Amino acid sequence: MHATLINHNTNERKDVKVGFSWTEFFWGFWPALFRADWKWLIIILLVDVGLGVFSWGGGSLFFNLIFAFFYNKFYTNDLLNSGFEPADDASYNALLAKGYIAPGRKFTTTNYTSDPQLDQLDKLKDLLDQGAITQEEYDIKKRQILGL
């Protein structure tokens, strides 16, 4: 599973993997190097070398196995904290489903919802606020959307 993130300030897009990091498991610090993820590159490299030297590589293998469960989440959260946002609803929902973001987390430029009924109600409310429909029309359509 993957998600697309966008930084609206720099117009930079990044595709991120969601879930277990097979690349980190097999290649250790190399994925962080290719992603220019300097913080995690240094951490992984230091732990790999530190554990590998004293355990003939066994400690490094064990660390990479455990860390592979968390690396993609750490990398994605670092991007989200540096100004990136989910590019679309599918990306938002993928991040939400795997626990990368909290339910209801707001982003600066886009407000994502995971419920199509809420999207329809928001659009309907906007029409009411603009005066395009009457309160009676709004109430009727709202009941239809909610199945009441």
C-alpha atoms as a PDB file:
ATOM      1  CA  MET A   1       0.000   0.000   0.000  1.00  0.00           C
ATOM      2  CA  HIS A   2       1.240   3.499  -0.663  1.00  0.00           C
ATOM      3  CA  ALA A   3       0.179   7.113  -0.289  1.00  0.00           C
ATOM      4  CA  THR A   4       1.051  10.274  -2.161  1.00  0.00           C
ATOM      5  CA  LEU A   5       2.083  13.324  -0.189  1.00  0.00           C
ATOM      6  CA  ILE A   6       2.351  16.871  -1.499  1.00  0.00           C
ATOM      7  CA  ASN A   7       3.969  19.984  -0.111  1.00  0.00           C
ATOM      8  CA  HIS A   8       1.905  22.931  -1.358  1.00  0.00           C
ATOM      9  CA  ASN A   9       4.685  25.414  -0.540  1.00  0.00           C
ATOM     10  CA  THR A  10       7.306  23.723  -2.731  1.00  0.00           C
ATOM     11  CA  ASN A  11       4.991  21.748  -5.074  1.00  0.00           C
ATOM     12  CA  GLU A  12       7.017  18.653  -4.230  1.00  0.00           C
ATOM     13  CA  ARG A  13       5.301  15.253  -4.361  1.00  0.00           C
ATOM     14  CA  LYS A  14       6.464  12.078  -2.657  1.00  0.00           C
ATOM     15  CA  ASP A  15       5.105   8.567  -2.844  1.00  0.00           C
ATOM     16  CA  VAL A  16       5.497   6.815   0.489  1.00  0.00           C
ATOM     17  CA  LYS A  17       4.989   3.193   1.359  1.00  0.00           C
ATOM     18  CA  VAL A  18       2.552   2.352   4.131  1.00  0.00           C
ATOM     19  CA  GLY A  19       3.200  -0.667   6.308  1.00  0.00           C
ATOM     20  CA  PHE A  20       6.194  -2.986   6.680  1.00  0.00           C
ATOM     21  CA  SER A  21       9.405  -1.725   5.037  1.00  0.00           C
ATOM     22  CA  TRP A  22      10.876  -4.632   3.105  1.00  0.00           C
ATOM     23  CA  THR A  23      13.598  -2.399   1.726  1.00  0.00           C
ATOM     24  CA  GLU A  24      14.767  -1.382   5.193  1.00  0.00           C
ATOM     25  CA  PHE A  25      14.656  -4.989   6.338  1.00  0.00           C
ATOM     26  CA  PHE A  26      16.859  -6.251   3.479  1.00  0.00           C
ATOM     27  CA  TRP A  27      19.067  -3.219   2.885  1.00  0.00           C
ATOM     28  CA  GLY A  28      19.330  -1.519   6.279  1.00  0.00           C
ATOM     29  CA  PHE A  29      20.334   2.141   5.994  1.00  0.00           C
ATOM     30  CA  TRP A  30      20.381   2.287   2.159  1.00  0.00           C
ATOM     31  CA  PRO A  31      16.671   3.203   1.670  1.00  0.00           C
ATOM     32  CA  ALA A  32      17.131   6.149   4.048  1.00  0.00           C
ATOM     33  CA  LEU A  33      20.144   7.253   2.005  1.00  0.00           C
ATOM     34  CA  PHE A  34      18.221   7.125  -1.293  1.00  0.00           C
ATOM     35  CA  ARG A  35      15.298   9.004   0.274  1.00  0.00           C
ATOM     36  CA  ALA A  36      17.685  11.669   1.646  1.00  0.00           C
ATOM     37  CA  ASP A  37      16.281  10.869   5.084  1.00  0.00           C
ATOM     38  CA  TRP A  38      19.408  11.955   6.942  1.00  0.00           C
ATOM     39  CA  LYS A  39      18.098  11.627  10.490  1.00  0.00           C
ATOM     40  CA  TRP A  40      17.093   7.983  10.143  1.00  0.00           C
ATOM     41  CA  LEU A  41      20.121   7.196   7.976  1.00  0.00           C
ATOM     42  CA  ILE A  42      22.470   8.182  10.800  1.00  0.00           C
ATOM     43  CA  ILE A  43      20.402   6.395  13.451  1.00  0.00           C
ATOM     44  CA  ILE A  44      20.138   3.149  11.474  1.00  0.00           C
ATOM     45  CA  LEU A  45      23.796   3.232  10.474  1.00  0.00           C
ATOM     46  CA  LEU A  46      25.012   3.804  14.031  1.00  0.00           C
ATOM     47  CA  VAL A  47      22.810   1.063  15.472  1.00  0.00           C
ATOM     48  CA  ASP A  48      23.717  -1.374  12.664  1.00  0.00           C
ATOM     49  CA  VAL A  49      27.429  -0.797  13.144  1.00  0.00           C
ATOM     50  CA  GLY A  50      27.201  -0.771  16.925  1.00  0.00           C
ATOM     51  CA  LEU A  51      25.190  -3.974  17.175  1.00  0.00           C
ATOM     52  CA  GLY A  52      26.853  -5.672  14.216  1.00  0.00           C
ATOM     53  CA  VAL A  53      30.383  -5.314  15.538  1.00  0.00           C
ATOM     54  CA  PHE A  54      29.604  -6.975  18.856  1.00  0.00           C
ATOM     55  CA  SER A  55      27.374  -9.740  17.507  1.00  0.00           C
ATOM     56  CA  TRP A  56      28.951 -10.651  14.150  1.00  0.00           C
ATOM     57  CA  GLY A  57      26.008  -9.055  12.346  1.00  0.00           C
ATOM     58  CA  GLY A  58      23.263 -10.851  14.277  1.00  0.00           C
ATOM     59  CA  GLY A  59      22.300  -7.780  16.288  1.00  0.00           C
ATOM     60  CA  SER A  60      22.122  -5.704  13.134  1.00  0.00           C
ATOM     61  CA  LEU A  61      19.857  -8.269  11.458  1.00  0.00           C
ATOM     62  CA  PHE A  62      17.594  -8.372  14.516  1.00  0.00           C
ATOM     63  CA  PHE A  63      17.438  -4.553  14.669  1.00  0.00           C
ATOM     64  CA  ASN A  64      16.567  -4.287  10.961  1.00  0.00           C
ATOM     65  CA  LEU A  65      13.810  -6.883  11.387  1.00  0.00           C
ATOM     66  CA  ILE A  66      12.219  -4.954  14.246  1.00  0.00           C
ATOM     67  CA  PHE A  67      12.815  -1.483  12.785  1.00  0.00           C
ATOM     68  CA  ALA A  68      11.266  -2.487   9.429  1.00  0.00           C
ATOM     69  CA  PHE A  69       7.869  -2.488  11.132  1.00  0.00           C
ATOM     70  CA  PHE A  70       8.263   1.196  12.064  1.00  0.00           C
ATOM     71  CA  TYR A  71      10.503   2.906   9.510  1.00  0.00           C
ATOM     72  CA  ASN A  72       7.845   3.826   6.935  1.00  0.00           C
ATOM     73  CA  LYS A  73       5.661   5.346   9.653  1.00  0.00           C
ATOM     74  CA  PHE A  74       8.569   7.383  11.057  1.00  0.00           C
ATOM     75  CA  TYR A  75       9.570   8.606   7.601  1.00  0.00           C
ATOM     76  CA  THR A  76       6.001   9.538   6.650  1.00  0.00           C
ATOM     77  CA  ASN A  77       5.372  11.351   9.939  1.00  0.00           C
ATOM     78  CA  ASP A  78       8.593  13.329   9.468  1.00  0.00           C
ATOM     79  CA  LEU A  79       7.309  14.421   6.054  1.00  0.00           C
ATOM     80  CA  LEU A  80       3.870  15.312   7.439  1.00  0.00           C
ATOM     81  CA  ASN A  81       5.481  17.371  10.191  1.00  0.00           C
ATOM     82  CA  SER A  82       7.626  19.215   7.657  1.00  0.00           C
ATOM     83  CA  GLY A  83       4.671  20.508   5.621  1.00  0.00           C
ATOM     84  CA  PHE A  84       3.594  17.599   3.430  1.00  0.00           C
ATOM     85  CA  GLU A  85      -0.068  16.591   3.243  1.00  0.00           C
ATOM     86  CA  PRO A  86      -1.971  13.689   1.698  1.00  0.00           C
ATOM     87  CA  ALA A  87      -2.526  14.512  -1.969  1.00  0.00           C
ATOM     88  CA  ASP A  88      -5.967  12.912  -2.203  1.00  0.00           C
ATOM     89  CA  ASP A  89      -8.651  11.070  -0.257  1.00  0.00           C
ATOM     90  CA  ALA A  90      -7.168   7.650  -1.061  1.00  0.00           C
ATOM     91  CA  SER A  91      -3.824   8.670   0.435  1.00  0.00           C
ATOM     92  CA  TYR A  92      -5.519  10.199   3.472  1.00  0.00           C
ATOM     93  CA  ASN A  93      -7.555   7.035   4.050  1.00  0.00           C
ATOM     94  CA  ALA A  94      -4.496   4.779   3.622  1.00  0.00           C
ATOM     95  CA  LEU A  95      -2.585   6.777   6.238  1.00  0.00           C
ATOM     96  CA  LEU A  96      -5.618   6.785   8.513  1.00  0.00           C
ATOM     97  CA  ALA A  97      -6.190   3.034   8.167  1.00  0.00           C
ATOM     98  CA  LYS A  98      -2.626   2.174   9.197  1.00  0.00           C
ATOM     99  CA  GLY A  99      -2.588   4.634  12.100  1.00  0.00           C
ATOM    100  CA  TYR A 100      -0.089   7.046  10.530  1.00  0.00           C
ATOM    101  CA  ILE A 101      -2.430   9.964  11.267  1.00  0.00           C
ATOM    102  CA  ALA A 102      -5.109  10.457  13.897  1.00  0.00           C
ATOM    103  CA  PRO A 103      -8.771  10.476  12.869  1.00  0.00           C
ATOM    104  CA  GLY A 104      -9.949  14.005  12.189  1.00  0.00           C
ATOM    105  CA  ARG A 105      -6.441  15.429  11.743  1.00  0.00           C
ATOM    106  CA  LYS A 106      -6.755  18.693   9.868  1.00  0.00           C
ATOM    107  CA  PHE A 107      -4.379  19.830   7.193  1.00  0.00           C
ATOM    108  CA  THR A 108      -3.899  23.446   6.151  1.00  0.00           C
ATOM    109  CA  THR A 109      -5.119  23.345   2.568  1.00  0.00           C
ATOM    110  CA  THR A 110      -7.436  20.361   2.386  1.00  0.00           C
ATOM    111  CA  ASN A 111      -9.999  18.941   4.756  1.00  0.00           C
ATOM    112  CA  TYR A 112     -10.339  15.205   4.144  1.00  0.00           C
ATOM    113  CA  THR A 113     -13.251  13.123   5.251  1.00  0.00           C
ATOM    114  CA  SER A 114     -13.570   9.379   5.062  1.00  0.00           C
ATOM    115  CA  ASP A 115     -17.362   9.360   4.732  1.00  0.00           C
ATOM    116  CA  PRO A 116     -19.002  10.214   1.371  1.00  0.00           C
ATOM    117  CA  GLN A 117     -22.231  11.134   3.160  1.00  0.00           C
ATOM    118  CA  LEU A 118     -20.392  13.838   5.083  1.00  0.00           C
ATOM    119  CA  ASP A 119     -18.958  15.170   1.834  1.00  0.00           C
ATOM    120  CA  GLN A 120     -22.442  15.385   0.338  1.00  0.00           C
ATOM    121  CA  LEU A 121     -23.797  17.099   3.458  1.00  0.00           C
ATOM    122  CA  ASP A 122     -20.933  19.624   3.404  1.00  0.00           C
ATOM    123  CA  LYS A 123     -21.681  20.484  -0.234  1.00  0.00           C
ATOM    124  CA  LEU A 124     -25.382  20.737   0.530  1.00  0.00           C
ATOM    125  CA  LYS A 125     -24.699  23.048   3.497  1.00  0.00           C
ATOM    126  CA  ASP A 126     -22.541  25.258   1.257  1.00  0.00           C
ATOM    127  CA  LEU A 127     -25.439  25.555  -1.196  1.00  0.00           C
ATOM    128  CA  LEU A 128     -27.757  26.513   1.659  1.00  0.00           C
ATOM    129  CA  ASP A 129     -25.291  29.106   2.949  1.00  0.00           C
ATOM    130  CA  GLN A 130     -24.939  30.598  -0.531  1.00  0.00           C
ATOM    131  CA  GLY A 131     -28.721  30.861  -0.873  1.00  0.00           C
ATOM    132  CA  ALA A 132     -28.828  28.468  -3.840  1.00  0.00           C
ATOM    133  CA  ILE A 133     -31.370  26.256  -2.055  1.00  0.00           C
ATOM    134  CA  THR A 134     -33.972  26.868   0.620  1.00  0.00           C
ATOM    135  CA  GLN A 135     -33.997  25.411   4.140  1.00  0.00           C
ATOM    136  CA  GLU A 136     -36.863  23.126   3.135  1.00  0.00           C
ATOM    137  CA  GLU A 137     -34.926  21.790   0.127  1.00  0.00           C
ATOM    138  CA  TYR A 138     -31.885  21.312   2.369  1.00  0.00           C
ATOM    139  CA  ASP A 139     -33.885  19.325   4.948  1.00  0.00           C
ATOM    140  CA  ILE A 140     -35.432  17.079   2.284  1.00  0.00           C
ATOM    141  CA  LYS A 141     -32.098  16.344   0.619  1.00  0.00           C
ATOM    142  CA  LYS A 142     -30.420  15.803   4.014  1.00  0.00           C
ATOM    143  CA  ARG A 143     -33.015  13.159   4.921  1.00  0.00           C
ATOM    144  CA  GLN A 144     -32.444  11.440   1.562  1.00  0.00           C
ATOM    145  CA  ILE A 145     -28.664  11.353   2.059  1.00  0.00           C
ATOM    146  CA  LEU A 146     -28.944  10.024   5.603  1.00  0.00           C
ATOM    147  CA  GLY A 147     -31.667   7.532   4.622  1.00  0.00           C
ATOM    148  CA  LEU A 148     -34.224   8.839   7.104  1.00  0.00           C
END
